[in-house]
Amino acid sequence: MHFPLPWQIVLILLVVLIIFGASKLPEFGRGLGEGIRNFKKALSGEEDKKPENKEQA
């Protein structure tokens, strides 16, 4: 199995840029990062820890 050459990676990135547009790429990256974080949390067995609201009215 061979790895993509640098010019192949650039070509793939250009195609992705043309298909999704520059405005959608940050949103796509954010979603991908969040998915990876959730996957790592699930592998480590860590539960979602939400800060408890200790305000009393």
C-alpha atoms as a PDB file:
ATOM      1  CA  MET A   1       0.000   0.000   0.000  1.00  0.00           C
ATOM      2  CA  HIS A   2       1.411   3.365  -0.955  1.00  0.00           C
ATOM      3  CA  PHE A   3       0.737   6.748   0.568  1.00  0.00           C
ATOM      4  CA  PRO A   4      -0.576   9.632  -1.545  1.00  0.00           C
ATOM      5  CA  LEU A   5       2.065  11.855  -3.066  1.00  0.00           C
ATOM      6  CA  PRO A   6       2.082  15.560  -2.154  1.00  0.00           C
ATOM      7  CA  TRP A   7       0.573  16.611  -5.501  1.00  0.00           C
ATOM      8  CA  GLN A   8      -2.227  14.059  -5.004  1.00  0.00           C
ATOM      9  CA  ILE A   9      -3.041  15.509  -1.585  1.00  0.00           C
ATOM     10  CA  VAL A  10      -3.161  19.024  -3.068  1.00  0.00           C
ATOM     11  CA  LEU A  11      -5.462  17.806  -5.827  1.00  0.00           C
ATOM     12  CA  ILE A  12      -7.814  16.192  -3.307  1.00  0.00           C
ATOM     13  CA  LEU A  13      -7.893  19.373  -1.203  1.00  0.00           C
ATOM     14  CA  LEU A  14      -8.699  21.476  -4.269  1.00  0.00           C
ATOM     15  CA  VAL A  15     -11.570  19.184  -5.232  1.00  0.00           C
ATOM     16  CA  VAL A  16     -12.960  19.348  -1.680  1.00  0.00           C
ATOM     17  CA  LEU A  17     -12.660  23.142  -1.736  1.00  0.00           C
ATOM     18  CA  ILE A  18     -14.526  23.341  -5.051  1.00  0.00           C
ATOM     19  CA  ILE A  19     -17.284  20.943  -3.947  1.00  0.00           C
ATOM     20  CA  PHE A  20     -17.986  22.351  -0.482  1.00  0.00           C
ATOM     21  CA  GLY A  21     -16.833  25.944  -0.842  1.00  0.00           C
ATOM     22  CA  ALA A  22     -14.611  27.915   1.493  1.00  0.00           C
ATOM     23  CA  SER A  23     -17.439  28.891   3.842  1.00  0.00           C
ATOM     24  CA  LYS A  24     -18.379  25.276   4.666  1.00  0.00           C
ATOM     25  CA  LEU A  25     -14.849  24.016   5.418  1.00  0.00           C
ATOM     26  CA  PRO A  26     -14.573  25.434   8.987  1.00  0.00           C
ATOM     27  CA  GLU A  27     -17.970  23.952   9.832  1.00  0.00           C
ATOM     28  CA  PHE A  28     -16.884  20.591   8.400  1.00  0.00           C
ATOM     29  CA  GLY A  29     -13.619  20.663  10.357  1.00  0.00           C
ATOM     30  CA  ARG A  30     -15.416  21.570  13.578  1.00  0.00           C
ATOM     31  CA  GLY A  31     -17.827  18.683  13.153  1.00  0.00           C
ATOM     32  CA  LEU A  32     -15.006  16.279  12.355  1.00  0.00           C
ATOM     33  CA  GLY A  33     -13.045  17.385  15.440  1.00  0.00           C
ATOM     34  CA  GLU A  34     -16.086  17.003  17.667  1.00  0.00           C
ATOM     35  CA  GLY A  35     -16.701  13.518  16.298  1.00  0.00           C
ATOM     36  CA  ILE A  36     -13.099  12.499  16.970  1.00  0.00           C
ATOM     37  CA  ARG A  37     -13.298  13.860  20.539  1.00  0.00           C
ATOM     38  CA  ASN A  38     -16.517  11.937  21.184  1.00  0.00           C
ATOM     39  CA  PHE A  39     -14.964   8.781  19.758  1.00  0.00           C
ATOM     40  CA  LYS A  40     -11.914   9.112  22.034  1.00  0.00           C
ATOM     41  CA  LYS A  41     -14.157   9.700  25.060  1.00  0.00           C
ATOM     42  CA  ALA A  42     -16.143   6.586  24.229  1.00  0.00           C
ATOM     43  CA  LEU A  43     -12.969   4.515  23.899  1.00  0.00           C
ATOM     44  CA  SER A  44     -11.602   5.707  27.226  1.00  0.00           C
ATOM     45  CA  GLY A  45     -14.946   5.117  28.977  1.00  0.00           C
ATOM     46  CA  GLU A  46     -15.158   8.700  30.130  1.00  0.00           C
ATOM     47  CA  GLU A  47     -18.699   9.917  30.698  1.00  0.00           C
ATOM     48  CA  ASP A  48     -19.926  13.346  29.664  1.00  0.00           C
ATOM     49  CA  LYS A  49     -19.270  15.566  32.633  1.00  0.00           C
ATOM     50  CA  LYS A  50     -21.437  18.641  32.506  1.00  0.00           C
ATOM     51  CA  PRO A  51     -20.786  21.351  35.067  1.00  0.00           C
ATOM     52  CA  GLU A  52     -23.562  21.418  37.618  1.00  0.00           C
ATOM     53  CA  ASN A  53     -25.385  24.650  38.088  1.00  0.00           C
ATOM     54  CA  LYS A  54     -25.014  25.456  41.817  1.00  0.00           C
ATOM     55  CA  GLU A  55     -27.000  28.668  41.735  1.00  0.00           C
ATOM     56  CA  GLN A  56     -29.886  28.738  44.161  1.00  0.00           C
ATOM     57  CA  ALA A  57     -32.594  31.349  43.750  1.00  0.00           C
END
